[in-house]
């Protein structure tokens, strides 16, 4: 077996990043795509909240790296989102923004010299959070959010998971072990990773059990979160919950098989309506946000 104790890390302050807080999309921006589906989706979100049905946002790492965090956090604070679910990569970018106000390293150069994903602070802090959280029977997202709070990270108000905890809604993280940089570190504990993410799987299933008349948005997760959603949904149906007649929306750059089938097509057998929105998250998310505000503030 390889000896992880010999892994070499470096201080995160030495890393060159590609995304900075100054690149965050502003809440008062003027981006507005000409897409009638976006207006309808916004209306369905507003209607779901009027019916006290949940709106769930699932997101991949690219959503954070395209500057959408401020928009998501404002939607949380305004009460439009009742659950945010991140994949592992999104949770890492989210944590680094709180830690240093920057994220997104140069992967190609890092692969060449073996430094990709080896910034010490990200690895050590996140693994410590999960190891401690597992002992307290906390979920992955809650464990990370509480560590952000405990460390008083300087940019914590830009952290989605921390904002979810502050608002009293679930913020969950759904991983594939071996798929995230923090798994490369000697402090990574497979049992803690599995236990905390498995807890979050059950938390997400609980929210989906109440999804009737609600809305589920998948933004930028091509594999993991669509699969997690499908398993949560079938568990709810198996247990007799009336998880049906909700709206699903998939946002992505490309037409991908799993999100198209798991998110948009297959739920139609339960009376659901699905939308598939193609475009850059830096344009689609601000457009959705502006439509929601227009409907509620006009």
C-alpha atoms as a PDB file:
ATOM      1  CA  UNK A   1       0.000   0.000   0.000  1.00  0.00           C
ATOM      2  CA  UNK A   2       1.144   3.576  -0.600  1.00  0.00           C
ATOM      3  CA  UNK A   3       2.331   5.534   2.427  1.00  0.00           C
ATOM      4  CA  UNK A   4       0.160   8.649   2.762  1.00  0.00           C
ATOM      5  CA  UNK A   5       2.320   9.937   5.608  1.00  0.00           C
ATOM      6  CA  UNK A   6       4.839  10.929   2.943  1.00  0.00           C
ATOM      7  CA  UNK A   7       2.384  13.212   1.123  1.00  0.00           C
ATOM      8  CA  UNK A   8       3.921  16.677   0.660  1.00  0.00           C
ATOM      9  CA  UNK A   9       1.729  19.762   1.035  1.00  0.00           C
ATOM     10  CA  UNK A  10       2.394  23.492   0.807  1.00  0.00           C
ATOM     11  CA  UNK A  11       0.864  26.665   2.320  1.00  0.00           C
ATOM     12  CA  UNK A  12      -2.223  27.839   0.468  1.00  0.00           C
ATOM     13  CA  UNK A  13      -0.845  31.399   0.355  1.00  0.00           C
ATOM     14  CA  UNK A  14       1.693  30.155  -2.216  1.00  0.00           C
ATOM     15  CA  UNK A  15      -0.994  28.925  -4.607  1.00  0.00           C
ATOM     16  CA  UNK A  16      -2.061  30.890  -7.664  1.00  0.00           C
ATOM     17  CA  UNK A  17      -5.831  30.961  -8.043  1.00  0.00           C
ATOM     18  CA  UNK A  18      -8.164  31.790 -10.901  1.00  0.00           C
ATOM     19  CA  UNK A  19     -11.254  33.020  -9.027  1.00  0.00           C
ATOM     20  CA  UNK A  20     -11.421  35.864  -6.516  1.00  0.00           C
ATOM     21  CA  UNK A  21     -14.186  37.443  -4.449  1.00  0.00           C
ATOM     22  CA  UNK A  22     -13.979  40.517  -6.670  1.00  0.00           C
ATOM     23  CA  UNK A  23     -15.196  38.275  -9.506  1.00  0.00           C
ATOM     24  CA  UNK A  24     -18.439  37.458  -7.659  1.00  0.00           C
ATOM     25  CA  UNK A  25     -21.554  38.279  -9.652  1.00  0.00           C
ATOM     26  CA  UNK A  26     -23.214  41.369  -8.129  1.00  0.00           C
ATOM     27  CA  UNK A  27     -26.767  41.215  -6.816  1.00  0.00           C
ATOM     28  CA  UNK A  28     -27.643  44.336  -8.782  1.00  0.00           C
ATOM     29  CA  UNK A  29     -26.218  43.108 -12.081  1.00  0.00           C
ATOM     30  CA  UNK A  30     -28.037  43.625 -15.378  1.00  0.00           C
ATOM     31  CA  UNK A  31     -27.699  40.136 -16.901  1.00  0.00           C
ATOM     32  CA  UNK A  32     -31.082  39.007 -18.242  1.00  0.00           C
ATOM     33  CA  UNK A  33     -31.281  36.253 -20.848  1.00  0.00           C
ATOM     34  CA  UNK A  34     -34.216  36.275 -23.259  1.00  0.00           C
ATOM     35  CA  UNK A  35     -35.678  32.896 -22.293  1.00  0.00           C
ATOM     36  CA  UNK A  36     -39.397  32.566 -21.450  1.00  0.00           C
ATOM     37  CA  UNK A  37     -38.743  29.268 -19.647  1.00  0.00           C
ATOM     38  CA  UNK A  38     -36.688  31.166 -17.070  1.00  0.00           C
ATOM     39  CA  UNK A  39     -39.617  33.447 -16.302  1.00  0.00           C
ATOM     40  CA  UNK A  40     -41.885  30.428 -15.887  1.00  0.00           C
ATOM     41  CA  UNK A  41     -39.411  28.647 -13.619  1.00  0.00           C
ATOM     42  CA  UNK A  42     -39.174  31.753 -11.431  1.00  0.00           C
ATOM     43  CA  UNK A  43     -42.955  31.802 -11.203  1.00  0.00           C
ATOM     44  CA  UNK A  44     -43.029  28.138 -10.168  1.00  0.00           C
ATOM     45  CA  UNK A  45     -40.474  28.843  -7.439  1.00  0.00           C
ATOM     46  CA  UNK A  46     -42.542  31.721  -6.090  1.00  0.00           C
ATOM     47  CA  UNK A  47     -45.689  29.575  -6.237  1.00  0.00           C
ATOM     48  CA  UNK A  48     -43.957  26.721  -4.415  1.00  0.00           C
ATOM     49  CA  UNK A  49     -43.130  29.043  -1.539  1.00  0.00           C
ATOM     50  CA  UNK A  50     -46.718  30.321  -1.453  1.00  0.00           C
ATOM     51  CA  UNK A  51     -47.810  26.687  -1.062  1.00  0.00           C
ATOM     52  CA  UNK A  52     -45.128  26.098   1.596  1.00  0.00           C
ATOM     53  CA  UNK A  53     -43.474  23.499  -0.648  1.00  0.00           C
ATOM     54  CA  UNK A  54     -39.674  23.276  -0.657  1.00  0.00           C
ATOM     55  CA  UNK A  55     -37.301  24.580  -3.299  1.00  0.00           C
ATOM     56  CA  UNK A  56     -34.110  22.500  -3.408  1.00  0.00           C
ATOM     57  CA  UNK A  57     -30.925  23.715  -5.110  1.00  0.00           C
ATOM     58  CA  UNK A  58     -28.275  21.130  -6.009  1.00  0.00           C
ATOM     59  CA  UNK A  59     -24.991  22.521  -7.323  1.00  0.00           C
ATOM     60  CA  UNK A  60     -21.622  21.490  -8.651  1.00  0.00           C
ATOM     61  CA  UNK A  61     -18.270  23.199  -8.254  1.00  0.00           C
ATOM     62  CA  UNK A  62     -18.471  25.265 -11.440  1.00  0.00           C
ATOM     63  CA  UNK A  63     -21.394  27.200  -9.970  1.00  0.00           C
ATOM     64  CA  UNK A  64     -19.131  28.592  -7.248  1.00  0.00           C
ATOM     65  CA  UNK A  65     -16.269  29.216  -9.677  1.00  0.00           C
ATOM     66  CA  UNK A  66     -18.506  31.233 -12.001  1.00  0.00           C
ATOM     67  CA  UNK A  67     -19.353  33.633  -9.194  1.00  0.00           C
ATOM     68  CA  UNK A  68     -22.895  32.585  -8.262  1.00  0.00           C
ATOM     69  CA  UNK A  69     -22.421  32.261  -4.486  1.00  0.00           C
ATOM     70  CA  UNK A  70     -23.720  35.727  -3.595  1.00  0.00           C
ATOM     71  CA  UNK A  71     -26.914  35.117  -5.580  1.00  0.00           C
ATOM     72  CA  UNK A  72     -27.460  31.734  -3.907  1.00  0.00           C
ATOM     73  CA  UNK A  73     -26.833  33.174  -0.449  1.00  0.00           C
ATOM     74  CA  UNK A  74     -29.283  36.009  -1.070  1.00  0.00           C
ATOM     75  CA  UNK A  75     -31.939  33.512  -2.200  1.00  0.00           C
ATOM     76  CA  UNK A  76     -31.323  31.591   1.028  1.00  0.00           C
ATOM     77  CA  UNK A  77     -31.667  34.726   3.137  1.00  0.00           C
ATOM     78  CA  UNK A  78     -34.865  35.768   1.338  1.00  0.00           C
ATOM     79  CA  UNK A  79     -36.435  32.370   2.043  1.00  0.00           C
ATOM     80  CA  UNK A  80     -36.626  31.104  -1.533  1.00  0.00           C
ATOM     81  CA  UNK A  81     -34.420  28.057  -0.896  1.00  0.00           C
ATOM     82  CA  UNK A  82     -35.206  25.419   1.731  1.00  0.00           C
ATOM     83  CA  UNK A  83     -32.279  23.090   1.010  1.00  0.00           C
ATOM     84  CA  UNK A  84     -28.915  23.446  -0.722  1.00  0.00           C
ATOM     85  CA  UNK A  85     -27.046  20.293  -1.714  1.00  0.00           C
ATOM     86  CA  UNK A  86     -23.434  20.477  -2.921  1.00  0.00           C
ATOM     87  CA  UNK A  87     -21.119  17.914  -4.418  1.00  0.00           C
ATOM     88  CA  UNK A  88     -17.669  17.561  -2.883  1.00  0.00           C
ATOM     89  CA  UNK A  89     -15.965  19.936  -5.282  1.00  0.00           C
ATOM     90  CA  UNK A  90     -18.494  22.691  -4.626  1.00  0.00           C
ATOM     91  CA  UNK A  91     -17.957  22.321  -0.868  1.00  0.00           C
ATOM     92  CA  UNK A  92     -14.205  22.759  -1.325  1.00  0.00           C
ATOM     93  CA  UNK A  93     -14.494  25.901  -3.463  1.00  0.00           C
ATOM     94  CA  UNK A  94     -17.093  27.191  -1.003  1.00  0.00           C
ATOM     95  CA  UNK A  95     -14.730  26.589   1.925  1.00  0.00           C
ATOM     96  CA  UNK A  96     -11.734  28.199   0.223  1.00  0.00           C
ATOM     97  CA  UNK A  97     -13.716  31.347  -0.524  1.00  0.00           C
ATOM     98  CA  UNK A  98     -14.446  31.652   3.194  1.00  0.00           C
ATOM     99  CA  UNK A  99     -10.820  30.891   4.057  1.00  0.00           C
ATOM    100  CA  UNK A 100      -8.867  33.121   1.662  1.00  0.00           C
ATOM    101  CA  UNK A 101     -11.403  34.808  -0.625  1.00  0.00           C
ATOM    102  CA  UNK A 102      -9.990  32.891  -3.592  1.00  0.00           C
ATOM    103  CA  UNK A 103     -10.311  29.433  -5.168  1.00  0.00           C
ATOM    104  CA  UNK A 104      -9.764  27.408  -8.364  1.00  0.00           C
ATOM    105  CA  UNK A 105      -6.142  26.417  -8.868  1.00  0.00           C
ATOM    106  CA  UNK A 106      -4.292  25.582 -12.099  1.00  0.00           C
ATOM    107  CA  UNK A 107      -4.920  21.837 -12.350  1.00  0.00           C
ATOM    108  CA  UNK A 108      -2.696  21.122 -15.347  1.00  0.00           C
ATOM    109  CA  UNK A 109       0.422  22.667 -13.796  1.00  0.00           C
ATOM    110  CA  UNK A 110      -0.343  21.029 -10.464  1.00  0.00           C
ATOM    111  CA  UNK A 111      -0.569  17.599 -12.052  1.00  0.00           C
ATOM    112  CA  UNK A 112       2.840  18.011 -13.634  1.00  0.00           C
ATOM    113  CA  UNK A 113       4.673  18.460 -10.325  1.00  0.00           C
ATOM    114  CA  UNK A 114       2.241  16.603  -8.042  1.00  0.00           C
ATOM    115  CA  UNK A 115       1.037  19.704  -6.202  1.00  0.00           C
ATOM    116  CA  UNK A 116      -2.541  19.696  -7.489  1.00  0.00           C
ATOM    117  CA  UNK A 117      -4.913  19.768  -4.525  1.00  0.00           C
ATOM    118  CA  UNK A 118      -2.106  19.808  -1.967  1.00  0.00           C
ATOM    119  CA  UNK A 119      -2.704  23.160  -0.240  1.00  0.00           C
ATOM    120  CA  UNK A 120      -2.358  22.234   3.439  1.00  0.00           C
ATOM    121  CA  UNK A 121      -4.991  24.462   5.031  1.00  0.00           C
ATOM    122  CA  UNK A 122      -7.887  23.280   2.844  1.00  0.00           C
ATOM    123  CA  UNK A 123      -7.056  19.633   3.415  1.00  0.00           C
ATOM    124  CA  UNK A 124      -6.352  19.829   7.132  1.00  0.00           C
ATOM    125  CA  UNK A 125      -9.249  22.097   8.136  1.00  0.00           C
ATOM    126  CA  UNK A 126     -11.905  20.273   6.130  1.00  0.00           C
ATOM    127  CA  UNK A 127     -10.805  16.803   7.199  1.00  0.00           C
ATOM    128  CA  UNK A 128     -10.629  17.922  10.817  1.00  0.00           C
ATOM    129  CA  UNK A 129     -14.163  19.275  10.526  1.00  0.00           C
ATOM    130  CA  UNK A 130     -15.446  15.978   9.143  1.00  0.00           C
ATOM    131  CA  UNK A 131     -13.552  13.815  11.617  1.00  0.00           C
ATOM    132  CA  UNK A 132     -14.979  15.842  14.495  1.00  0.00           C
ATOM    133  CA  UNK A 133     -18.435  15.984  12.938  1.00  0.00           C
ATOM    134  CA  UNK A 134     -18.595  12.221  12.487  1.00  0.00           C
ATOM    135  CA  UNK A 135     -18.007  11.774  16.217  1.00  0.00           C
ATOM    136  CA  UNK A 136     -20.959  14.088  16.932  1.00  0.00           C
ATOM    137  CA  UNK A 137     -23.262  12.402  14.371  1.00  0.00           C
ATOM    138  CA  UNK A 138     -23.326  15.570  12.273  1.00  0.00           C
ATOM    139  CA  UNK A 139     -23.742  15.646   8.526  1.00  0.00           C
ATOM    140  CA  UNK A 140     -20.975  16.687   6.144  1.00  0.00           C
ATOM    141  CA  UNK A 141     -22.381  20.105   5.314  1.00  0.00           C
ATOM    142  CA  UNK A 142     -23.156  20.997   8.916  1.00  0.00           C
ATOM    143  CA  UNK A 143     -19.674  19.873  10.016  1.00  0.00           C
ATOM    144  CA  UNK A 144     -17.999  22.142   7.469  1.00  0.00           C
ATOM    145  CA  UNK A 145     -20.275  25.076   8.305  1.00  0.00           C
ATOM    146  CA  UNK A 146     -19.556  24.739  12.026  1.00  0.00           C
ATOM    147  CA  UNK A 147     -15.808  24.703  11.331  1.00  0.00           C
ATOM    148  CA  UNK A 148     -16.173  27.882   9.252  1.00  0.00           C
ATOM    149  CA  UNK A 149     -17.944  29.416  12.243  1.00  0.00           C
ATOM    150  CA  UNK A 150     -15.458  28.084  14.812  1.00  0.00           C
ATOM    151  CA  UNK A 151     -12.440  29.374  12.890  1.00  0.00           C
ATOM    152  CA  UNK A 152     -14.154  32.701  12.281  1.00  0.00           C
ATOM    153  CA  UNK A 153     -12.965  32.583   8.694  1.00  0.00           C
ATOM    154  CA  UNK A 154     -12.615  36.110   7.303  1.00  0.00           C
ATOM    155  CA  UNK A 155     -14.938  35.669   4.323  1.00  0.00           C
ATOM    156  CA  UNK A 156     -17.502  33.360   5.945  1.00  0.00           C
ATOM    157  CA  UNK A 157     -20.416  35.508   4.773  1.00  0.00           C
ATOM    158  CA  UNK A 158     -19.571  34.330   1.242  1.00  0.00           C
ATOM    159  CA  UNK A 159     -19.858  30.666   2.270  1.00  0.00           C
ATOM    160  CA  UNK A 160     -23.015  28.868   1.126  1.00  0.00           C
ATOM    161  CA  UNK A 161     -22.979  26.126   3.776  1.00  0.00           C
ATOM    162  CA  UNK A 162     -22.404  28.613   6.591  1.00  0.00           C
ATOM    163  CA  UNK A 163     -25.237  30.775   5.239  1.00  0.00           C
ATOM    164  CA  UNK A 164     -27.556  27.764   5.169  1.00  0.00           C
ATOM    165  CA  UNK A 165     -26.871  27.011   8.834  1.00  0.00           C
ATOM    166  CA  UNK A 166     -27.372  30.684   9.721  1.00  0.00           C
ATOM    167  CA  UNK A 167     -30.752  30.592   7.965  1.00  0.00           C
ATOM    168  CA  UNK A 168     -31.781  27.323   9.622  1.00  0.00           C
ATOM    169  CA  UNK A 169     -32.063  25.256   6.437  1.00  0.00           C
ATOM    170  CA  UNK A 170     -30.185  22.064   5.514  1.00  0.00           C
ATOM    171  CA  UNK A 171     -26.915  22.425   3.645  1.00  0.00           C
ATOM    172  CA  UNK A 172     -25.763  18.960   2.606  1.00  0.00           C
ATOM    173  CA  UNK A 173     -22.745  17.559   0.764  1.00  0.00           C
ATOM    174  CA  UNK A 174     -22.766  14.394  -1.330  1.00  0.00           C
ATOM    175  CA  UNK A 175     -19.406  12.901  -2.235  1.00  0.00           C
ATOM    176  CA  UNK A 176     -17.759  10.065  -4.117  1.00  0.00           C
ATOM    177  CA  UNK A 177     -14.821   8.899  -2.020  1.00  0.00           C
ATOM    178  CA  UNK A 178     -11.613   9.464  -3.948  1.00  0.00           C
ATOM    179  CA  UNK A 179     -13.158  12.233  -6.008  1.00  0.00           C
ATOM    180  CA  UNK A 180     -12.082  15.266  -3.964  1.00  0.00           C
ATOM    181  CA  UNK A 181      -8.688  16.771  -3.131  1.00  0.00           C
ATOM    182  CA  UNK A 182      -9.170  16.452   0.633  1.00  0.00           C
ATOM    183  CA  UNK A 183      -9.146  12.659   0.222  1.00  0.00           C
ATOM    184  CA  UNK A 184      -5.459  12.908  -0.788  1.00  0.00           C
ATOM    185  CA  UNK A 185      -4.361  14.013   2.697  1.00  0.00           C
ATOM    186  CA  UNK A 186      -3.194  11.734   5.539  1.00  0.00           C
ATOM    187  CA  UNK A 187      -5.865  13.256   7.781  1.00  0.00           C
ATOM    188  CA  UNK A 188      -8.687  11.968   5.558  1.00  0.00           C
ATOM    189  CA  UNK A 189     -10.710   9.264   7.310  1.00  0.00           C
ATOM    190  CA  UNK A 190     -12.868   7.142   5.019  1.00  0.00           C
ATOM    191  CA  UNK A 191     -15.226   6.253   7.848  1.00  0.00           C
ATOM    192  CA  UNK A 192     -15.782   9.934   8.702  1.00  0.00           C
ATOM    193  CA  UNK A 193     -16.264  10.866   5.043  1.00  0.00           C
ATOM    194  CA  UNK A 194     -18.766   8.094   4.574  1.00  0.00           C
ATOM    195  CA  UNK A 195     -20.646   8.664   7.795  1.00  0.00           C
ATOM    196  CA  UNK A 196     -21.097  12.411   7.367  1.00  0.00           C
ATOM    197  CA  UNK A 197     -22.092  12.219   3.694  1.00  0.00           C
ATOM    198  CA  UNK A 198     -24.420   9.276   4.421  1.00  0.00           C
ATOM    199  CA  UNK A 199     -26.121  11.385   7.090  1.00  0.00           C
ATOM    200  CA  UNK A 200     -26.572  14.121   4.492  1.00  0.00           C
ATOM    201  CA  UNK A 201     -28.064  11.568   2.085  1.00  0.00           C
ATOM    202  CA  UNK A 202     -30.784  10.871   4.637  1.00  0.00           C
ATOM    203  CA  UNK A 203     -31.312  14.593   5.305  1.00  0.00           C
ATOM    204  CA  UNK A 204     -31.797  15.240   1.583  1.00  0.00           C
ATOM    205  CA  UNK A 205     -34.173  12.270   1.344  1.00  0.00           C
ATOM    206  CA  UNK A 206     -36.242  13.787   4.139  1.00  0.00           C
ATOM    207  CA  UNK A 207     -36.556  17.085   2.258  1.00  0.00           C
ATOM    208  CA  UNK A 208     -37.470  15.304  -0.983  1.00  0.00           C
ATOM    209  CA  UNK A 209     -40.201  13.392   0.852  1.00  0.00           C
ATOM    210  CA  UNK A 210     -42.021  16.759   1.117  1.00  0.00           C
ATOM    211  CA  UNK A 211     -41.313  17.902  -2.453  1.00  0.00           C
ATOM    212  CA  UNK A 212     -44.910  17.703  -3.742  1.00  0.00           C
ATOM    213  CA  UNK A 213     -45.691  21.039  -5.484  1.00  0.00           C
ATOM    214  CA  UNK A 214     -42.084  22.109  -4.940  1.00  0.00           C
ATOM    215  CA  UNK A 215     -39.129  22.734  -7.249  1.00  0.00           C
ATOM    216  CA  UNK A 216     -35.798  20.953  -7.579  1.00  0.00           C
ATOM    217  CA  UNK A 217     -32.952  22.723  -9.392  1.00  0.00           C
ATOM    218  CA  UNK A 218     -29.792  20.930 -10.481  1.00  0.00           C
ATOM    219  CA  UNK A 219     -27.112  23.420 -11.485  1.00  0.00           C
ATOM    220  CA  UNK A 220     -23.836  22.120 -12.863  1.00  0.00           C
ATOM    221  CA  UNK A 221     -23.683  18.588 -11.446  1.00  0.00           C
ATOM    222  CA  UNK A 222     -23.419  16.133 -14.324  1.00  0.00           C
ATOM    223  CA  UNK A 223     -23.168  12.836 -12.436  1.00  0.00           C
ATOM    224  CA  UNK A 224     -23.168  12.670  -8.651  1.00  0.00           C
ATOM    225  CA  UNK A 225     -26.107  14.800  -7.562  1.00  0.00           C
ATOM    226  CA  UNK A 226     -28.519  13.562 -10.276  1.00  0.00           C
ATOM    227  CA  UNK A 227     -27.781  10.012  -9.118  1.00  0.00           C
ATOM    228  CA  UNK A 228     -28.206  10.932  -5.440  1.00  0.00           C
ATOM    229  CA  UNK A 229     -31.516  12.642  -6.228  1.00  0.00           C
ATOM    230  CA  UNK A 230     -32.813   9.556  -8.041  1.00  0.00           C
ATOM    231  CA  UNK A 231     -32.036   7.307  -5.054  1.00  0.00           C
ATOM    232  CA  UNK A 232     -33.575   9.755  -2.584  1.00  0.00           C
ATOM    233  CA  UNK A 233     -36.721   9.942  -4.704  1.00  0.00           C
ATOM    234  CA  UNK A 234     -37.160   6.194  -5.049  1.00  0.00           C
ATOM    235  CA  UNK A 235     -36.647   5.741  -1.295  1.00  0.00           C
ATOM    236  CA  UNK A 236     -39.415   8.257  -0.654  1.00  0.00           C
ATOM    237  CA  UNK A 237     -41.749   6.490  -3.063  1.00  0.00           C
ATOM    238  CA  UNK A 238     -40.882   3.110  -1.555  1.00  0.00           C
ATOM    239  CA  UNK A 239     -41.738   4.427   1.926  1.00  0.00           C
ATOM    240  CA  UNK A 240     -45.100   5.732   0.755  1.00  0.00           C
ATOM    241  CA  UNK A 241     -44.430   9.476   0.648  1.00  0.00           C
ATOM    242  CA  UNK A 242     -46.350  11.437  -1.971  1.00  0.00           C
ATOM    243  CA  UNK A 243     -43.280  12.905  -3.631  1.00  0.00           C
ATOM    244  CA  UNK A 244     -44.925  13.790  -6.933  1.00  0.00           C
ATOM    245  CA  UNK A 245     -46.168  16.665  -9.083  1.00  0.00           C
ATOM    246  CA  UNK A 246     -43.110  18.814  -8.541  1.00  0.00           C
ATOM    247  CA  UNK A 247     -40.983  20.752 -11.027  1.00  0.00           C
ATOM    248  CA  UNK A 248     -37.436  19.814 -11.969  1.00  0.00           C
ATOM    249  CA  UNK A 249     -34.904  22.011 -13.737  1.00  0.00           C
ATOM    250  CA  UNK A 250     -31.442  21.139 -15.024  1.00  0.00           C
ATOM    251  CA  UNK A 251     -28.976  23.930 -15.758  1.00  0.00           C
ATOM    252  CA  UNK A 252     -25.727  23.084 -17.528  1.00  0.00           C
ATOM    253  CA  UNK A 253     -23.322  24.116 -20.257  1.00  0.00           C
ATOM    254  CA  UNK A 254     -23.886  20.929 -22.288  1.00  0.00           C
ATOM    255  CA  UNK A 255     -26.540  18.301 -22.886  1.00  0.00           C
ATOM    256  CA  UNK A 256     -25.511  15.525 -20.450  1.00  0.00           C
ATOM    257  CA  UNK A 257     -27.194  12.112 -20.290  1.00  0.00           C
ATOM    258  CA  UNK A 258     -27.531  11.658 -16.534  1.00  0.00           C
ATOM    259  CA  UNK A 259     -29.003  15.017 -15.561  1.00  0.00           C
ATOM    260  CA  UNK A 260     -31.287  14.955 -18.599  1.00  0.00           C
ATOM    261  CA  UNK A 261     -32.715  11.536 -17.668  1.00  0.00           C
ATOM    262  CA  UNK A 262     -32.514  11.623 -13.842  1.00  0.00           C
ATOM    263  CA  UNK A 263     -33.580  15.246 -13.398  1.00  0.00           C
ATOM    264  CA  UNK A 264     -35.752  16.113 -16.402  1.00  0.00           C
ATOM    265  CA  UNK A 265     -37.216  12.992 -18.045  1.00  0.00           C
ATOM    266  CA  UNK A 266     -37.736  10.170 -15.554  1.00  0.00           C
ATOM    267  CA  UNK A 267     -39.626  12.173 -12.863  1.00  0.00           C
ATOM    268  CA  UNK A 268     -42.351  12.818 -15.457  1.00  0.00           C
ATOM    269  CA  UNK A 269     -43.888   9.436 -14.586  1.00  0.00           C
ATOM    270  CA  UNK A 270     -44.786  11.043 -11.226  1.00  0.00           C
ATOM    271  CA  UNK A 271     -46.638  13.918 -12.873  1.00  0.00           C
ATOM    272  CA  UNK A 272     -43.613  16.183 -12.763  1.00  0.00           C
ATOM    273  CA  UNK A 273     -42.665  18.824 -15.277  1.00  0.00           C
ATOM    274  CA  UNK A 274     -39.027  19.151 -16.338  1.00  0.00           C
ATOM    275  CA  UNK A 275     -37.021  21.981 -17.866  1.00  0.00           C
ATOM    276  CA  UNK A 276     -33.549  21.715 -19.414  1.00  0.00           C
ATOM    277  CA  UNK A 277     -31.732  25.059 -19.546  1.00  0.00           C
ATOM    278  CA  UNK A 278     -28.533  25.338 -21.542  1.00  0.00           C
ATOM    279  CA  UNK A 279     -26.035  28.126 -20.847  1.00  0.00           C
ATOM    280  CA  UNK A 280     -23.286  29.570 -18.702  1.00  0.00           C
ATOM    281  CA  UNK A 281     -24.192  29.624 -14.992  1.00  0.00           C
ATOM    282  CA  UNK A 282     -22.868  33.193 -14.850  1.00  0.00           C
ATOM    283  CA  UNK A 283     -25.802  34.145 -17.098  1.00  0.00           C
ATOM    284  CA  UNK A 284     -28.562  31.657 -16.246  1.00  0.00           C
ATOM    285  CA  UNK A 285     -28.402  32.076 -12.460  1.00  0.00           C
ATOM    286  CA  UNK A 286     -28.524  35.905 -12.490  1.00  0.00           C
ATOM    287  CA  UNK A 287     -31.413  35.725 -14.959  1.00  0.00           C
ATOM    288  CA  UNK A 288     -33.387  33.385 -12.702  1.00  0.00           C
ATOM    289  CA  UNK A 289     -32.570  35.563  -9.693  1.00  0.00           C
ATOM    290  CA  UNK A 290     -33.784  38.764 -11.391  1.00  0.00           C
ATOM    291  CA  UNK A 291     -37.053  37.116 -12.467  1.00  0.00           C
ATOM    292  CA  UNK A 292     -37.713  35.889  -8.907  1.00  0.00           C
ATOM    293  CA  UNK A 293     -37.115  39.339  -7.453  1.00  0.00           C
ATOM    294  CA  UNK A 294     -39.253  40.981 -10.140  1.00  0.00           C
ATOM    295  CA  UNK A 295     -42.191  38.701  -9.311  1.00  0.00           C
ATOM    296  CA  UNK A 296     -41.940  39.334  -5.581  1.00  0.00           C
ATOM    297  CA  UNK A 297     -41.003  43.001  -5.487  1.00  0.00           C
ATOM    298  CA  UNK A 298     -43.208  44.427  -8.260  1.00  0.00           C
END
